[in-house]
């Protein structure tokens, strides 16, 4: 019997939880996937796979993404706790002359 993509996701519930956490923290700060991709320098297809729990995120990358999102890797991995909803610095502005769109 061959395994389906859905079967492999069900075998890794922690990856799904981590993906949900990545998406929740990103969304709670008002970032689109494109904003996250541009700021973290992770390809859109890869970031999307992380958020869907379809791909394992290396610890070094998780640490980097968490820092960009204004949190920590340990916070991202604490599935028993709601994610910290503090506002992250708007690092999307570096390509726009150092100011956010709402400051122009």
N, C-alpha and C. Protein backbone atom coordinates (compact mmCIF):
# COMPACT_ATOMS: atom_id res chain seq x y z
N UNK A 1 0.85 -1.17 0.00
CA UNK A 1 0.00 0.00 0.00
C UNK A 1 0.90 1.24 0.00
N UNK A 2 0.62 2.16 -0.90
CA UNK A 2 1.45 3.36 -0.99
C UNK A 2 0.93 4.44 -0.03
N UNK A 3 1.88 5.23 0.45
CA UNK A 3 1.55 6.31 1.37
C UNK A 3 1.19 7.57 0.58
N UNK A 4 0.21 8.28 1.06
CA UNK A 4 -0.16 9.55 0.43
C UNK A 4 0.49 10.70 1.18
N UNK A 5 0.45 11.86 0.57
CA UNK A 5 0.97 13.07 1.20
C UNK A 5 0.24 13.32 2.52
N UNK A 6 -1.06 13.13 2.54
CA UNK A 6 -1.85 13.34 3.76
C UNK A 6 -1.41 12.38 4.85
N UNK A 7 -1.08 11.13 4.50
CA UNK A 7 -0.61 10.17 5.49
C UNK A 7 0.68 10.65 6.13
N UNK A 8 1.59 11.19 5.33
CA UNK A 8 2.88 11.62 5.89
C UNK A 8 2.71 12.80 6.83
N UNK A 9 1.76 13.70 6.55
CA UNK A 9 1.50 14.82 7.45
C UNK A 9 0.91 14.33 8.76
N UNK A 10 0.00 13.37 8.69
CA UNK A 10 -0.62 12.86 9.90
C UNK A 10 0.39 12.16 10.80
N UNK A 11 1.47 11.64 10.22
CA UNK A 11 2.51 10.99 11.01
C UNK A 11 3.41 11.99 11.73
N UNK A 12 3.29 13.29 11.41
CA UNK A 12 4.17 14.30 11.99
C UNK A 12 3.35 15.46 12.54
N UNK A 13 2.55 15.20 13.57
CA UNK A 13 1.67 16.27 14.07
C UNK A 13 2.43 17.47 14.63
N UNK A 14 3.64 17.26 15.15
CA UNK A 14 4.40 18.40 15.67
C UNK A 14 4.81 19.36 14.56
N UNK A 15 5.08 18.84 13.37
CA UNK A 15 5.40 19.73 12.25
C UNK A 15 4.19 20.56 11.86
N UNK A 16 3.02 19.94 11.93
CA UNK A 16 1.79 20.68 11.63
C UNK A 16 1.57 21.76 12.68
N UNK A 17 1.78 21.43 13.95
CA UNK A 17 1.62 22.42 15.02
C UNK A 17 2.63 23.57 14.86
N UNK A 18 3.87 23.23 14.53
CA UNK A 18 4.87 24.27 14.32
C UNK A 18 4.50 25.14 13.13
N UNK A 19 4.03 24.53 12.06
CA UNK A 19 3.59 25.29 10.90
C UNK A 19 2.46 26.24 11.23
N UNK A 20 1.50 25.75 12.01
CA UNK A 20 0.40 26.61 12.44
C UNK A 20 0.93 27.77 13.29
N UNK A 21 1.91 27.48 14.13
CA UNK A 21 2.50 28.53 14.97
C UNK A 21 3.21 29.57 14.09
N UNK A 22 3.97 29.11 13.11
CA UNK A 22 4.65 30.04 12.21
C UNK A 22 3.65 30.97 11.53
N UNK A 23 2.57 30.40 11.02
CA UNK A 23 1.56 31.19 10.32
C UNK A 23 0.83 32.13 11.29
N UNK A 24 0.51 31.64 12.48
CA UNK A 24 -0.20 32.47 13.47
C UNK A 24 0.62 33.69 13.86
N UNK A 25 1.89 33.47 14.16
CA UNK A 25 2.75 34.59 14.57
C UNK A 25 2.92 35.57 13.40
N UNK A 26 3.12 35.06 12.21
CA UNK A 26 3.26 35.94 11.04
C UNK A 26 1.98 36.75 10.84
N UNK A 27 0.84 36.09 10.85
CA UNK A 27 -0.43 36.79 10.64
C UNK A 27 -0.77 37.77 11.75
N UNK A 28 -0.45 37.41 12.99
CA UNK A 28 -0.79 38.29 14.11
C UNK A 28 -0.03 39.60 14.06
N UNK A 29 1.05 39.61 13.31
CA UNK A 29 1.82 40.84 13.14
C UNK A 29 1.53 41.53 11.82
N UNK A 30 0.52 41.04 11.11
CA UNK A 30 0.10 41.70 9.88
C UNK A 30 1.00 41.46 8.68
N UNK A 31 1.79 40.41 8.70
CA UNK A 31 2.68 40.11 7.59
C UNK A 31 2.03 39.15 6.62
N UNK A 32 2.20 39.40 5.35
CA UNK A 32 1.79 38.45 4.32
C UNK A 32 2.91 37.41 4.18
N UNK A 33 2.63 36.35 3.47
CA UNK A 33 3.67 35.37 3.19
C UNK A 33 4.80 36.02 2.40
N UNK A 34 4.44 36.91 1.48
CA UNK A 34 5.44 37.61 0.68
C UNK A 34 6.36 38.46 1.56
N UNK A 35 5.79 39.13 2.56
CA UNK A 35 6.60 39.91 3.51
C UNK A 35 7.59 39.01 4.23
N UNK A 36 7.11 37.86 4.69
CA UNK A 36 7.97 36.93 5.42
C UNK A 36 9.07 36.40 4.53
N UNK A 37 8.74 36.06 3.31
CA UNK A 37 9.72 35.54 2.36
C UNK A 37 10.81 36.58 2.08
N UNK A 38 10.39 37.80 1.85
CA UNK A 38 11.34 38.87 1.55
C UNK A 38 12.26 39.14 2.74
N UNK A 39 11.72 39.11 3.94
CA UNK A 39 12.48 39.47 5.13
C UNK A 39 13.36 38.32 5.63
N UNK A 40 12.87 37.09 5.54
CA UNK A 40 13.64 35.95 6.04
C UNK A 40 14.56 35.37 4.99
N UNK A 41 14.32 35.71 3.72
CA UNK A 41 15.08 35.18 2.58
C UNK A 41 14.89 33.67 2.43
N UNK A 42 13.71 33.18 2.82
CA UNK A 42 13.32 31.79 2.61
C UNK A 42 12.38 31.78 1.42
N UNK A 43 12.58 30.87 0.48
CA UNK A 43 11.72 30.80 -0.70
C UNK A 43 10.26 30.60 -0.31
N UNK A 44 9.36 31.17 -1.11
CA UNK A 44 7.93 31.10 -0.82
C UNK A 44 7.45 29.65 -0.74
N UNK A 45 7.89 28.81 -1.65
CA UNK A 45 7.44 27.41 -1.64
C UNK A 45 7.91 26.70 -0.39
N UNK A 46 9.11 27.03 0.08
CA UNK A 46 9.65 26.41 1.29
C UNK A 46 8.91 26.92 2.52
N UNK A 47 8.72 28.25 2.61
CA UNK A 47 8.01 28.81 3.76
C UNK A 47 6.59 28.26 3.81
N UNK A 48 5.94 28.16 2.66
CA UNK A 48 4.60 27.60 2.62
C UNK A 48 4.57 26.15 3.11
N UNK A 49 5.58 25.38 2.73
CA UNK A 49 5.67 23.98 3.18
C UNK A 49 5.90 23.91 4.68
N UNK A 50 6.71 24.83 5.23
CA UNK A 50 6.89 24.88 6.69
C UNK A 50 5.55 25.17 7.37
N UNK A 51 4.83 26.16 6.85
CA UNK A 51 3.57 26.56 7.48
C UNK A 51 2.50 25.49 7.38
N UNK A 52 2.57 24.65 6.37
CA UNK A 52 1.60 23.56 6.23
C UNK A 52 2.05 22.29 6.97
N UNK A 53 3.26 22.32 7.54
CA UNK A 53 3.78 21.15 8.24
C UNK A 53 4.23 20.06 7.30
N UNK A 54 4.52 20.43 6.06
CA UNK A 54 4.92 19.45 5.06
C UNK A 54 6.42 19.28 4.97
N UNK A 55 7.15 20.16 5.62
CA UNK A 55 8.61 20.13 5.53
C UNK A 55 9.20 20.46 6.89
N UNK A 56 10.25 19.75 7.24
CA UNK A 56 10.94 19.97 8.50
C UNK A 56 11.81 21.22 8.38
N UNK A 57 11.69 22.13 9.34
CA UNK A 57 12.50 23.35 9.32
C UNK A 57 13.77 23.11 10.15
N UNK A 58 14.93 23.32 9.55
CA UNK A 58 16.17 23.15 10.32
C UNK A 58 16.21 24.14 11.49
N UNK A 59 16.82 23.72 12.59
CA UNK A 59 16.83 24.54 13.80
C UNK A 59 17.45 25.91 13.56
N UNK A 60 18.52 25.98 12.76
CA UNK A 60 19.14 27.28 12.48
C UNK A 60 18.17 28.22 11.78
N UNK A 61 17.38 27.66 10.87
CA UNK A 61 16.40 28.48 10.16
C UNK A 61 15.26 28.87 11.08
N UNK A 62 14.83 27.97 11.95
CA UNK A 62 13.77 28.29 12.90
C UNK A 62 14.21 29.42 13.81
N UNK A 63 15.44 29.37 14.29
CA UNK A 63 15.97 30.44 15.13
C UNK A 63 15.95 31.76 14.38
N UNK A 64 16.39 31.75 13.13
CA UNK A 64 16.42 32.98 12.32
C UNK A 64 15.01 33.53 12.09
N UNK A 65 14.10 32.66 11.66
CA UNK A 65 12.72 33.10 11.39
C UNK A 65 12.08 33.63 12.67
N UNK A 66 12.27 32.94 13.78
CA UNK A 66 11.70 33.40 15.06
C UNK A 66 12.23 34.78 15.42
N UNK A 67 13.53 35.00 15.24
CA UNK A 67 14.11 36.31 15.54
C UNK A 67 13.51 37.39 14.65
N UNK A 68 13.37 37.10 13.37
CA UNK A 68 12.76 38.06 12.45
C UNK A 68 11.33 38.36 12.87
N UNK A 69 10.62 37.34 13.35
CA UNK A 69 9.24 37.50 13.78
C UNK A 69 9.13 38.13 15.17
N UNK A 70 10.26 38.39 15.83
CA UNK A 70 10.25 39.04 17.13
C UNK A 70 9.98 38.12 18.29
N UNK A 71 10.33 36.85 18.14
CA UNK A 71 10.11 35.88 19.21
C UNK A 71 11.33 34.96 19.28
N UNK A 72 11.18 33.84 19.93
CA UNK A 72 12.29 32.89 20.05
C UNK A 72 11.86 31.52 19.50
N UNK A 73 12.85 30.70 19.20
CA UNK A 73 12.55 29.35 18.74
C UNK A 73 11.84 28.56 19.84
N UNK A 74 12.24 28.76 21.08
CA UNK A 74 11.58 28.02 22.17
C UNK A 74 10.11 28.42 22.30
N UNK A 75 9.82 29.69 22.08
CA UNK A 75 8.42 30.16 22.10
C UNK A 75 7.64 29.50 20.95
N UNK A 76 8.27 29.40 19.79
CA UNK A 76 7.61 28.79 18.64
C UNK A 76 7.32 27.30 18.88
N UNK A 77 8.16 26.66 19.67
CA UNK A 77 8.02 25.23 19.92
C UNK A 77 7.18 24.90 21.15
N UNK A 78 6.75 25.89 21.89
CA UNK A 78 5.94 25.67 23.09
C UNK A 78 4.47 25.57 22.69
N UNK A 79 4.06 24.38 22.30
CA UNK A 79 2.73 24.18 21.76
C UNK A 79 1.63 24.28 22.81
N UNK A 80 1.99 24.24 24.08
CA UNK A 80 0.99 24.36 25.13
C UNK A 80 0.65 25.79 25.48
N UNK A 81 1.32 26.73 24.85
CA UNK A 81 1.15 28.15 25.17
C UNK A 81 0.72 28.91 23.92
N UNK A 82 -0.13 29.90 24.10
CA UNK A 82 -0.49 30.75 22.98
C UNK A 82 0.74 31.56 22.56
N UNK A 83 0.90 31.81 21.26
CA UNK A 83 2.07 32.58 20.83
C UNK A 83 2.02 34.00 21.37
N UNK A 84 3.18 34.53 21.65
CA UNK A 84 3.33 35.91 22.10
C UNK A 84 2.87 36.82 20.96
N UNK A 85 1.99 37.73 21.25
CA UNK A 85 1.44 38.60 20.21
C UNK A 85 2.07 39.99 20.19
N UNK A 86 3.26 40.12 20.76
CA UNK A 86 3.90 41.44 20.73
C UNK A 86 4.21 41.81 19.28
N UNK A 87 4.21 43.09 19.03
CA UNK A 87 4.48 43.58 17.68
C UNK A 87 5.96 43.40 17.36
N UNK A 88 6.22 42.93 16.17
CA UNK A 88 7.60 42.77 15.74
C UNK A 88 8.05 44.03 15.02
N UNK A 89 9.36 44.29 15.01
CA UNK A 89 9.85 45.45 14.26
C UNK A 89 9.52 45.25 12.78
N UNK A 90 9.14 46.30 12.11
CA UNK A 90 8.78 46.20 10.70
C UNK A 90 10.05 46.21 9.86
N UNK A 91 10.56 45.03 9.60
CA UNK A 91 11.79 44.90 8.83
C UNK A 91 11.52 44.85 7.34
N UNK A 92 10.27 44.96 6.96
CA UNK A 92 9.93 44.99 5.54
C UNK A 92 10.37 46.29 4.91
N UNK A 93 10.69 47.29 5.71
CA UNK A 93 10.95 48.63 5.20
C UNK A 93 12.35 48.83 4.64
N UNK A 94 13.27 47.89 4.85
CA UNK A 94 14.65 48.10 4.45
C UNK A 94 14.78 48.37 2.95
N UNK A 95 13.94 47.78 2.14
CA UNK A 95 14.00 48.01 0.70
C UNK A 95 13.29 49.30 0.31
N UNK A 96 12.60 49.93 1.24
CA UNK A 96 11.82 51.13 0.93
C UNK A 96 12.42 52.37 1.56
N UNK A 97 13.73 52.42 1.63
CA UNK A 97 14.38 53.61 2.15
C UNK A 97 14.32 53.74 3.66
N UNK A 98 14.13 52.63 4.38
CA UNK A 98 14.17 52.67 5.82
C UNK A 98 12.89 53.11 6.50
N UNK A 99 11.84 53.38 5.72
CA UNK A 99 10.57 53.79 6.33
C UNK A 99 9.48 52.82 5.91
N UNK A 100 8.56 52.59 6.81
CA UNK A 100 7.40 51.76 6.46
C UNK A 100 6.50 52.57 5.56
N UNK A 101 5.64 51.85 4.84
CA UNK A 101 4.72 52.52 3.91
C UNK A 101 3.86 53.55 4.62
N UNK A 102 3.40 53.26 5.84
CA UNK A 102 2.52 54.18 6.54
C UNK A 102 3.28 55.40 7.10
N UNK A 103 4.61 55.38 7.00
CA UNK A 103 5.40 56.50 7.47
C UNK A 103 5.82 57.42 6.33
N UNK A 104 5.51 57.03 5.10
CA UNK A 104 5.91 57.85 3.95
C UNK A 104 4.93 58.94 3.68
